[in-house]
Amino acid sequence: MGISFFETMSGEVIDGNGEAHPLVFEVKGESTNVGHFLKSGEVKITGVVDGEPFAREALVEGQMVISPIRRRTIEYRFEFDDPQGDRCRLVGQKDIHPLRPVHSMTHMDASILRDGDEIAAGELRFEFADLPEFVTSWWPSSTIPRE
């Protein structure tokens, strides 16, 4: 049995010129095996990222690793094409702090990379208003074909 869920993160990233740009991504996390997910925390993520000039409703594909106890992190890594067609990567990490669990699980430092160079960085957040949708999005299934 698989597992899936949906998550939205939004915030601002600062480019190399010091200009702030809004950015939002909506992803679906999926694993074909609940046991593997519970052991490794790994899920495949697909979805959409939006935020000019870096992305315009760009499709994303990558991985999330959820390790709130062992490593105390939630890591995001996904790729997308910018409006010019160049491949970019977003990497982000939530560092879970036991004395500030809510803040640390809802705020993430993120960077956008192109050709290995950081072109923007900032903080993205999970909004509490999205919590009911997030909680009810968890489902014991996956659309990923089993290998």
N, C-alpha and C. Protein backbone atom coordinates (compact mmCIF):
# COMPACT_ATOMS: atom_id res chain seq x y z
N MET A 1 0.84 -1.17 0.00
CA MET A 1 0.00 0.00 0.00
C MET A 1 0.89 1.24 0.00
N GLY A 2 0.48 2.24 -0.78
CA GLY A 2 1.22 3.49 -0.87
C GLY A 2 0.65 4.55 0.05
N ILE A 3 1.21 5.74 -0.08
CA ILE A 3 0.74 6.89 0.70
C ILE A 3 0.95 8.15 -0.13
N SER A 4 0.05 9.13 0.05
CA SER A 4 0.21 10.40 -0.65
C SER A 4 -0.35 11.53 0.19
N PHE A 5 0.12 12.75 -0.13
CA PHE A 5 -0.35 13.96 0.55
C PHE A 5 -0.01 15.16 -0.31
N PHE A 6 -0.63 16.30 0.00
CA PHE A 6 -0.39 17.55 -0.71
C PHE A 6 0.13 18.61 0.26
N GLU A 7 1.02 19.48 -0.24
CA GLU A 7 1.55 20.56 0.60
C GLU A 7 1.79 21.80 -0.26
N THR A 8 1.57 22.97 0.34
CA THR A 8 1.84 24.26 -0.30
C THR A 8 2.80 25.05 0.59
N MET A 9 3.82 25.63 -0.02
CA MET A 9 4.77 26.51 0.67
C MET A 9 4.84 27.81 -0.13
N SER A 10 4.95 28.94 0.59
CA SER A 10 5.05 30.22 -0.10
C SER A 10 5.93 31.17 0.71
N GLY A 11 6.44 32.17 0.02
CA GLY A 11 7.28 33.16 0.68
C GLY A 11 7.97 34.03 -0.33
N GLU A 12 9.17 34.50 0.03
CA GLU A 12 9.95 35.34 -0.86
C GLU A 12 11.37 34.82 -0.97
N VAL A 13 11.93 34.99 -2.17
CA VAL A 13 13.35 34.72 -2.38
C VAL A 13 14.00 36.03 -2.86
N ILE A 14 15.25 36.20 -2.50
CA ILE A 14 16.01 37.40 -2.85
C ILE A 14 17.01 37.05 -3.94
N ASP A 15 16.99 37.79 -5.04
CA ASP A 15 17.92 37.50 -6.14
C ASP A 15 19.29 38.14 -5.88
N GLY A 16 20.20 37.97 -6.81
CA GLY A 16 21.57 38.48 -6.67
C GLY A 16 21.65 40.00 -6.60
N ASN A 17 20.62 40.70 -7.05
CA ASN A 17 20.58 42.17 -6.99
C ASN A 17 19.91 42.67 -5.71
N GLY A 18 19.51 41.74 -4.84
CA GLY A 18 18.87 42.13 -3.59
C GLY A 18 17.37 42.36 -3.71
N GLU A 19 16.79 42.03 -4.85
CA GLU A 19 15.35 42.22 -5.05
C GLU A 19 14.57 41.00 -4.56
N ALA A 20 13.44 41.27 -3.89
CA ALA A 20 12.58 40.20 -3.37
C ALA A 20 11.55 39.80 -4.42
N HIS A 21 11.30 38.50 -4.50
CA HIS A 21 10.32 37.96 -5.45
C HIS A 21 9.45 36.93 -4.74
N PRO A 22 8.12 37.05 -4.85
CA PRO A 22 7.25 36.03 -4.25
C PRO A 22 7.43 34.70 -4.98
N LEU A 23 7.31 33.62 -4.22
CA LEU A 23 7.44 32.28 -4.78
C LEU A 23 6.48 31.36 -4.04
N VAL A 24 5.82 30.49 -4.76
CA VAL A 24 4.92 29.51 -4.15
C VAL A 24 5.08 28.18 -4.89
N PHE A 25 5.06 27.09 -4.14
CA PHE A 25 5.00 25.79 -4.80
C PHE A 25 3.95 24.93 -4.12
N GLU A 26 3.29 24.12 -4.95
CA GLU A 26 2.29 23.15 -4.50
C GLU A 26 2.77 21.80 -4.98
N VAL A 27 2.95 20.86 -4.05
CA VAL A 27 3.46 19.55 -4.43
C VAL A 27 2.58 18.44 -3.87
N LYS A 28 2.66 17.32 -4.56
CA LYS A 28 2.06 16.08 -4.08
C LYS A 28 3.22 15.16 -3.73
N GLY A 29 3.23 14.67 -2.49
CA GLY A 29 4.24 13.72 -2.05
C GLY A 29 3.65 12.32 -2.14
N GLU A 30 4.43 11.37 -2.68
CA GLU A 30 3.93 10.01 -2.85
C GLU A 30 5.02 8.97 -2.62
N SER A 31 4.61 7.86 -2.03
CA SER A 31 5.47 6.69 -1.90
C SER A 31 4.61 5.47 -2.23
N THR A 32 5.19 4.52 -2.93
CA THR A 32 4.43 3.32 -3.28
C THR A 32 4.37 2.33 -2.12
N ASN A 33 5.16 2.57 -1.06
CA ASN A 33 5.24 1.61 0.05
C ASN A 33 5.27 2.36 1.37
N VAL A 34 4.22 2.20 2.17
CA VAL A 34 4.13 2.89 3.46
C VAL A 34 5.30 2.50 4.37
N GLY A 35 5.67 1.23 4.37
CA GLY A 35 6.79 0.77 5.20
C GLY A 35 8.08 1.46 4.84
N HIS A 36 8.35 1.57 3.55
CA HIS A 36 9.56 2.27 3.10
C HIS A 36 9.51 3.73 3.52
N PHE A 37 8.35 4.37 3.37
CA PHE A 37 8.20 5.76 3.76
C PHE A 37 8.45 5.93 5.26
N LEU A 38 7.87 5.06 6.08
CA LEU A 38 8.05 5.18 7.53
C LEU A 38 9.50 4.98 7.94
N LYS A 39 10.21 4.12 7.22
CA LYS A 39 11.62 3.84 7.54
C LYS A 39 12.56 4.93 7.02
N SER A 40 12.37 5.33 5.77
CA SER A 40 13.31 6.26 5.12
C SER A 40 12.84 7.72 5.13
N GLY A 41 11.54 7.93 5.19
CA GLY A 41 10.99 9.28 5.08
C GLY A 41 10.98 9.82 3.66
N GLU A 42 11.37 9.00 2.69
CA GLU A 42 11.48 9.46 1.30
C GLU A 42 10.15 9.40 0.58
N VAL A 43 9.83 10.49 -0.13
CA VAL A 43 8.67 10.52 -1.01
C VAL A 43 9.06 11.24 -2.30
N LYS A 44 8.45 10.81 -3.39
CA LYS A 44 8.60 11.50 -4.66
C LYS A 44 7.65 12.70 -4.62
N ILE A 45 8.10 13.86 -5.13
CA ILE A 45 7.21 15.00 -5.19
C ILE A 45 7.07 15.48 -6.63
N THR A 46 5.84 15.84 -6.97
CA THR A 46 5.51 16.44 -8.26
C THR A 46 4.58 17.61 -7.97
N GLY A 47 4.52 18.55 -8.87
CA GLY A 47 3.62 19.67 -8.66
C GLY A 47 3.97 20.85 -9.54
N VAL A 48 3.77 22.05 -8.98
CA VAL A 48 3.95 23.29 -9.73
C VAL A 48 4.64 24.33 -8.84
N VAL A 49 5.55 25.10 -9.45
CA VAL A 49 6.18 26.23 -8.76
C VAL A 49 5.90 27.48 -9.60
N ASP A 50 5.63 28.59 -8.90
CA ASP A 50 5.33 29.84 -9.59
C ASP A 50 6.01 30.99 -8.87
N GLY A 51 6.64 31.86 -9.61
CA GLY A 51 7.28 33.03 -9.04
C GLY A 51 8.24 33.65 -10.04
N GLU A 52 7.78 34.69 -10.71
CA GLU A 52 8.61 35.39 -11.68
C GLU A 52 9.81 36.03 -10.98
N PRO A 53 10.95 36.07 -11.55
CA PRO A 53 11.31 35.66 -12.91
C PRO A 53 11.82 34.22 -12.99
N PHE A 54 11.70 33.46 -11.90
CA PHE A 54 12.31 32.13 -11.84
C PHE A 54 11.43 31.02 -12.39
N ALA A 55 10.12 31.17 -12.25
CA ALA A 55 9.20 30.12 -12.70
C ALA A 55 7.85 30.72 -13.02
N ARG A 56 7.23 30.15 -14.01
CA ARG A 56 5.87 30.56 -14.40
C ARG A 56 5.03 29.29 -14.52
N GLU A 57 4.37 28.94 -13.40
CA GLU A 57 3.56 27.71 -13.35
C GLU A 57 4.35 26.52 -13.91
N ALA A 58 5.60 26.38 -13.47
CA ALA A 58 6.50 25.34 -13.98
C ALA A 58 6.25 24.01 -13.25
N LEU A 59 6.24 22.94 -14.02
CA LEU A 59 6.11 21.61 -13.44
C LEU A 59 7.37 21.25 -12.67
N VAL A 60 7.19 20.63 -11.52
CA VAL A 60 8.33 20.23 -10.70
C VAL A 60 8.32 18.72 -10.51
N GLU A 61 9.52 18.19 -10.31
CA GLU A 61 9.67 16.77 -9.98
C GLU A 61 10.92 16.64 -9.12
N GLY A 62 10.80 15.88 -8.06
CA GLY A 62 11.94 15.70 -7.18
C GLY A 62 11.64 14.80 -6.01
N GLN A 63 12.24 15.12 -4.88
CA GLN A 63 12.15 14.26 -3.70
C GLN A 63 12.08 15.09 -2.43
N MET A 64 11.38 14.54 -1.46
CA MET A 64 11.32 15.11 -0.12
C MET A 64 11.74 13.99 0.83
N VAL A 65 12.53 14.35 1.84
CA VAL A 65 12.92 13.39 2.87
C VAL A 65 12.47 13.96 4.21
N ILE A 66 11.55 13.24 4.85
CA ILE A 66 10.96 13.68 6.11
C ILE A 66 11.59 12.87 7.23
N SER A 67 12.40 13.53 8.07
CA SER A 67 13.09 12.84 9.17
C SER A 67 13.03 13.71 10.43
N PRO A 68 11.81 13.85 11.00
CA PRO A 68 11.66 14.78 12.13
C PRO A 68 12.31 14.31 13.43
N ILE A 69 12.56 13.01 13.57
CA ILE A 69 13.12 12.50 14.82
C ILE A 69 14.61 12.19 14.68
N ARG A 70 14.97 11.36 13.71
CA ARG A 70 16.36 10.93 13.56
C ARG A 70 17.29 12.07 13.17
N ARG A 71 16.98 12.75 12.06
CA ARG A 71 17.85 13.83 11.59
C ARG A 71 17.32 15.22 11.93
N ARG A 72 16.08 15.28 12.39
CA ARG A 72 15.40 16.54 12.71
C ARG A 72 15.38 17.50 11.54
N THR A 73 15.09 16.97 10.36
CA THR A 73 15.00 17.80 9.17
C THR A 73 13.86 17.32 8.27
N ILE A 74 13.42 18.23 7.42
CA ILE A 74 12.56 17.90 6.29
C ILE A 74 13.23 18.58 5.11
N GLU A 75 13.68 17.78 4.14
CA GLU A 75 14.44 18.30 3.00
C GLU A 75 13.62 18.22 1.72
N TYR A 76 13.74 19.26 0.91
CA TYR A 76 13.05 19.33 -0.38
C TYR A 76 14.11 19.51 -1.46
N ARG A 77 13.97 18.76 -2.55
CA ARG A 77 14.84 18.91 -3.71
C ARG A 77 13.98 18.65 -4.95
N PHE A 78 13.82 19.67 -5.78
CA PHE A 78 13.10 19.41 -7.02
C PHE A 78 13.63 20.30 -8.13
N GLU A 79 13.37 19.85 -9.36
CA GLU A 79 13.83 20.56 -10.55
C GLU A 79 12.64 21.09 -11.33
N PHE A 80 12.90 22.16 -12.09
CA PHE A 80 11.88 22.78 -12.94
C PHE A 80 12.58 23.61 -14.01
N ASP A 81 11.84 23.98 -15.04
CA ASP A 81 12.37 24.84 -16.09
C ASP A 81 11.93 26.27 -15.85
N ASP A 82 12.89 27.22 -15.96
CA ASP A 82 12.54 28.62 -15.82
C ASP A 82 11.86 29.10 -17.11
N PRO A 83 11.33 30.33 -17.14
CA PRO A 83 10.62 30.80 -18.33
C PRO A 83 11.46 30.80 -19.62
N GLN A 84 12.80 30.82 -19.50
CA GLN A 84 13.66 30.77 -20.69
C GLN A 84 13.97 29.34 -21.10
N GLY A 85 13.50 28.36 -20.33
CA GLY A 85 13.74 26.96 -20.64
C GLY A 85 14.97 26.37 -20.00
N ASP A 86 15.65 27.13 -19.15
CA ASP A 86 16.83 26.62 -18.45
C ASP A 86 16.38 25.80 -17.24
N ARG A 87 17.12 24.72 -16.97
CA ARG A 87 16.79 23.85 -15.85
C ARG A 87 17.27 24.49 -14.55
N CYS A 88 16.39 24.52 -13.57
CA CYS A 88 16.70 25.06 -12.25
C CYS A 88 16.39 24.00 -11.20
N ARG A 89 16.92 24.22 -10.02
CA ARG A 89 16.69 23.30 -8.91
C ARG A 89 16.38 24.13 -7.67
N LEU A 90 15.36 23.71 -6.93
CA LEU A 90 15.08 24.31 -5.64
C LEU A 90 15.51 23.31 -4.58
N VAL A 91 16.29 23.77 -3.62
CA VAL A 91 16.68 22.95 -2.48
C VAL A 91 16.27 23.72 -1.23
N GLY A 92 15.67 23.01 -0.32
CA GLY A 92 15.22 23.65 0.91
C GLY A 92 15.26 22.68 2.06
N GLN A 93 15.34 23.23 3.25
CA GLN A 93 15.40 22.37 4.43
C GLN A 93 14.73 23.05 5.62
N LYS A 94 13.89 22.29 6.30
CA LYS A 94 13.33 22.72 7.58
C LYS A 94 14.17 22.02 8.65
N ASP A 95 14.79 22.79 9.52
CA ASP A 95 15.57 22.24 10.63
C ASP A 95 14.67 22.23 11.86
N ILE A 96 14.26 21.06 12.28
CA ILE A 96 13.28 20.94 13.35
C ILE A 96 13.94 21.09 14.70
N HIS A 97 13.49 22.08 15.43
CA HIS A 97 14.03 22.40 16.75
C HIS A 97 13.02 21.96 17.80
N PRO A 98 13.41 21.09 18.75
CA PRO A 98 12.45 20.58 19.72
C PRO A 98 11.82 21.64 20.61
N LEU A 99 12.49 22.77 20.82
CA LEU A 99 11.92 23.82 21.65
C LEU A 99 11.02 24.78 20.86
N ARG A 100 11.09 24.69 19.53
CA ARG A 100 10.25 25.51 18.64
C ARG A 100 9.69 24.65 17.52
N PRO A 101 8.97 23.57 17.83
CA PRO A 101 8.55 22.63 16.79
C PRO A 101 7.61 23.22 15.75
N VAL A 102 6.66 24.04 16.15
CA VAL A 102 5.70 24.58 15.18
C VAL A 102 6.41 25.52 14.21
N HIS A 103 7.18 26.47 14.72
CA HIS A 103 7.89 27.40 13.84
C HIS A 103 8.86 26.64 12.93
N SER A 104 9.63 25.73 13.50
CA SER A 104 10.65 25.05 12.69
C SER A 104 10.06 24.08 11.67
N MET A 105 8.84 23.60 11.89
CA MET A 105 8.23 22.70 10.91
C MET A 105 7.43 23.46 9.85
N THR A 106 7.29 24.77 10.02
CA THR A 106 6.51 25.56 9.06
C THR A 106 7.35 26.59 8.31
N HIS A 107 8.63 26.74 8.65
CA HIS A 107 9.52 27.70 7.99
C HIS A 107 10.70 26.95 7.38
N MET A 108 11.03 27.31 6.15
CA MET A 108 12.09 26.60 5.44
C MET A 108 13.00 27.60 4.73
N ASP A 109 14.29 27.43 4.91
CA ASP A 109 15.27 28.16 4.11
C ASP A 109 15.39 27.45 2.77
N ALA A 110 15.33 28.22 1.68
CA ALA A 110 15.37 27.62 0.34
C ALA A 110 16.30 28.40 -0.57
N SER A 111 16.86 27.69 -1.54
CA SER A 111 17.72 28.30 -2.57
C SER A 111 17.27 27.81 -3.93
N ILE A 112 17.39 28.69 -4.91
CA ILE A 112 17.17 28.30 -6.30
C ILE A 112 18.53 28.32 -6.98
N LEU A 113 18.84 27.21 -7.65
CA LEU A 113 20.13 27.05 -8.33
C LEU A 113 19.91 26.91 -9.84
N ARG A 114 20.85 27.47 -10.61
CA ARG A 114 20.88 27.26 -12.05
C ARG A 114 22.33 26.96 -12.40
N ASP A 115 22.56 25.84 -13.06
CA ASP A 115 23.92 25.40 -13.40
C ASP A 115 24.81 25.32 -12.16
N GLY A 116 24.21 24.94 -11.02
CA GLY A 116 24.97 24.79 -9.78
C GLY A 116 25.21 26.07 -9.01
N ASP A 117 24.84 27.22 -9.61
CA ASP A 117 25.04 28.51 -8.95
C ASP A 117 23.74 28.99 -8.31
N GLU A 118 23.83 29.50 -7.08
CA GLU A 118 22.65 30.03 -6.42
C GLU A 118 22.25 31.35 -7.07
N ILE A 119 20.99 31.43 -7.53
CA ILE A 119 20.50 32.65 -8.16
C ILE A 119 19.50 33.38 -7.28
N ALA A 120 19.01 32.72 -6.23
CA ALA A 120 18.09 33.36 -5.28
C ALA A 120 18.01 32.50 -4.03
N ALA A 121 17.68 33.14 -2.91
CA ALA A 121 17.52 32.41 -1.65
C ALA A 121 16.54 33.17 -0.77
N GLY A 122 15.85 32.43 0.08
CA GLY A 122 14.90 33.08 0.98
C GLY A 122 14.22 32.10 1.90
N GLU A 123 13.11 32.55 2.46
CA GLU A 123 12.37 31.71 3.39
C GLU A 123 10.96 31.47 2.85
N LEU A 124 10.57 30.20 2.86
CA LEU A 124 9.21 29.81 2.48
C LEU A 124 8.51 29.28 3.71
N ARG A 125 7.18 29.44 3.73
CA ARG A 125 6.40 29.05 4.90
C ARG A 125 5.21 28.18 4.52
N PHE A 126 4.84 27.34 5.46
CA PHE A 126 3.58 26.61 5.39
C PHE A 126 2.59 27.43 6.21
N GLU A 127 1.49 27.84 5.61
CA GLU A 127 0.51 28.68 6.29
C GLU A 127 -0.46 27.83 7.11
N PHE A 128 -0.72 28.25 8.36
CA PHE A 128 -1.64 27.52 9.23
C PHE A 128 -3.04 27.39 8.64
N ALA A 129 -3.44 28.35 7.82
CA ALA A 129 -4.75 28.27 7.18
C ALA A 129 -4.87 27.03 6.29
N ASP A 130 -3.72 26.50 5.82
CA ASP A 130 -3.71 25.31 4.96
C ASP A 130 -3.68 24.01 5.74
N LEU A 131 -3.60 24.08 7.08
CA LEU A 131 -3.46 22.88 7.89
C LEU A 131 -4.61 21.88 7.71
N PRO A 132 -5.89 22.30 7.72
CA PRO A 132 -6.95 21.30 7.53
C PRO A 132 -6.83 20.55 6.20
N GLU A 133 -6.54 21.28 5.13
CA GLU A 133 -6.37 20.64 3.82
C GLU A 133 -5.18 19.69 3.82
N PHE A 134 -4.07 20.11 4.46
CA PHE A 134 -2.88 19.26 4.52
C PHE A 134 -3.19 17.97 5.28
N VAL A 135 -3.79 18.07 6.44
CA VAL A 135 -4.08 16.89 7.26
C VAL A 135 -5.02 15.94 6.52
N THR A 136 -6.07 16.47 5.91
CA THR A 136 -7.03 15.59 5.23
C THR A 136 -6.52 15.10 3.87
N SER A 137 -5.39 15.65 3.39
CA SER A 137 -4.86 15.20 2.10
C SER A 137 -4.12 13.87 2.20
N TRP A 138 -3.72 13.47 3.41
CA TRP A 138 -2.99 12.21 3.57
C TRP A 138 -3.93 11.06 3.22
N TRP A 139 -3.46 10.19 2.33
CA TRP A 139 -4.32 9.14 1.82
C TRP A 139 -3.49 7.87 1.62
N PRO A 140 -4.05 6.71 1.93
CA PRO A 140 -3.30 5.46 1.77
C PRO A 140 -3.29 4.93 0.34
N SER A 141 -2.75 5.74 -0.57
CA SER A 141 -2.65 5.31 -1.96
C SER A 141 -1.57 6.12 -2.65
N SER A 142 -1.21 5.69 -3.85
CA SER A 142 -0.21 6.37 -4.63
C SER A 142 -0.53 6.18 -6.11
N THR A 143 -0.26 7.20 -6.93
CA THR A 143 -0.46 7.07 -8.37
C THR A 143 0.82 6.64 -9.08
N ILE A 144 1.90 6.46 -8.32
CA ILE A 144 3.17 6.04 -8.90
C ILE A 144 3.06 4.56 -9.27
N PRO A 145 3.39 4.20 -10.51
CA PRO A 145 3.35 2.78 -10.89
C PRO A 145 4.38 1.97 -10.07
N ARG A 146 3.97 0.83 -9.60
CA ARG A 146 4.91 -0.06 -8.89
C ARG A 146 5.86 -0.65 -9.90
N GLU A 147 7.12 -0.74 -9.51
CA GLU A 147 8.15 -1.30 -10.43
C GLU A 147 8.24 -2.80 -10.29
